[in-house]
Amino acid sequence: MLEAMGLPVSDAVRMLLKRIATDKALPLALMTPNAATIGALREARAGGLRRFESLDDLRADLCRAGD
């Protein structure tokens, strides 16, 4: 991908290191998912989620669940 942008890997690494030094932080958020998120991801990958044809259908389902 970097080559397609005309950016050598060495330049990309140099830019990353300069950004880290300037900001004193990584320029991206590193997050570890909790157990609930991991469970939801597994359920989604297994096809265990409901699908809706439209936003209106989703809203109607959410309203029914709230009753």
Protein backbone atom coordinates (compact mmCIF):
# COMPACT_ATOMS: atom_id res chain seq x y z
CA MET A 1 0.00 0.00 0.00
CA LEU A 2 2.80 2.42 0.81
CA GLU A 3 4.45 1.76 -2.54
CA ALA A 4 1.18 2.56 -4.30
CA MET A 5 1.28 5.94 -2.54
CA GLY A 6 4.88 6.47 -3.64
CA LEU A 7 6.10 6.28 -0.05
CA PRO A 8 9.04 4.02 0.80
CA VAL A 9 8.65 1.98 4.00
CA SER A 10 11.69 3.71 5.51
CA ASP A 11 10.04 7.13 5.04
CA ALA A 12 6.78 5.88 6.53
CA VAL A 13 8.61 4.54 9.60
CA ARG A 14 10.53 7.80 9.95
CA MET A 15 7.28 9.78 9.78
CA LEU A 16 5.70 7.52 12.39
CA LEU A 17 8.64 7.88 14.77
CA LYS A 18 8.66 11.67 14.37
CA ARG A 19 4.95 11.80 15.14
CA ILE A 20 5.42 9.65 18.24
CA ALA A 21 8.26 11.90 19.42
CA THR A 22 6.25 15.07 18.81
CA ASP A 23 2.99 13.87 20.37
CA LYS A 24 4.62 11.62 22.98
CA ALA A 25 1.95 9.07 22.11
CA LEU A 26 1.06 6.61 19.39
CA PRO A 27 -0.92 8.23 16.55
CA LEU A 28 -3.59 5.56 16.80
CA ALA A 29 -5.81 4.07 19.45
CA LEU A 30 -4.86 0.59 20.59
CA MET A 31 -7.77 -1.07 22.31
CA THR A 32 -8.25 -4.53 23.73
CA PRO A 33 -11.84 -5.68 23.41
CA ASN A 34 -13.57 -6.78 26.61
CA ALA A 35 -15.45 -10.07 27.01
CA ALA A 36 -18.78 -8.56 25.90
CA THR A 37 -17.24 -7.16 22.71
CA ILE A 38 -15.48 -10.44 21.93
CA GLY A 39 -18.77 -12.30 22.41
CA ALA A 40 -20.62 -9.88 20.12
CA LEU A 41 -17.94 -10.22 17.44
CA ARG A 42 -18.14 -14.02 17.59
CA GLU A 43 -21.93 -13.91 17.37
CA ALA A 44 -21.77 -11.58 14.37
CA ARG A 45 -19.23 -13.77 12.58
CA ALA A 46 -21.37 -16.86 13.22
CA GLY A 47 -24.36 -15.17 11.60
CA GLY A 48 -26.33 -14.98 14.84
CA LEU A 49 -27.53 -11.43 14.37
CA ARG A 50 -30.90 -10.26 13.13
CA ARG A 51 -31.02 -8.41 9.84
CA PHE A 52 -33.42 -5.70 8.81
CA GLU A 53 -34.55 -4.62 5.37
CA SER A 54 -34.76 -0.96 6.29
CA LEU A 55 -34.04 1.55 9.01
CA ASP A 56 -37.77 1.74 9.70
CA ASP A 57 -37.86 -2.02 10.35
CA LEU A 58 -34.94 -1.69 12.77
CA ARG A 59 -36.62 1.20 14.59
CA ALA A 60 -39.88 -0.73 14.88
CA ASP A 61 -38.02 -3.70 16.35
CA LEU A 62 -36.23 -1.46 18.84
CA CYS A 63 -39.53 0.12 19.89
CA ARG A 64 -41.10 -3.32 20.43
CA ALA A 65 -38.09 -4.36 22.54
CA GLY A 66 -38.51 -1.25 24.69
CA ASP A 67 -42.17 -2.00 25.51
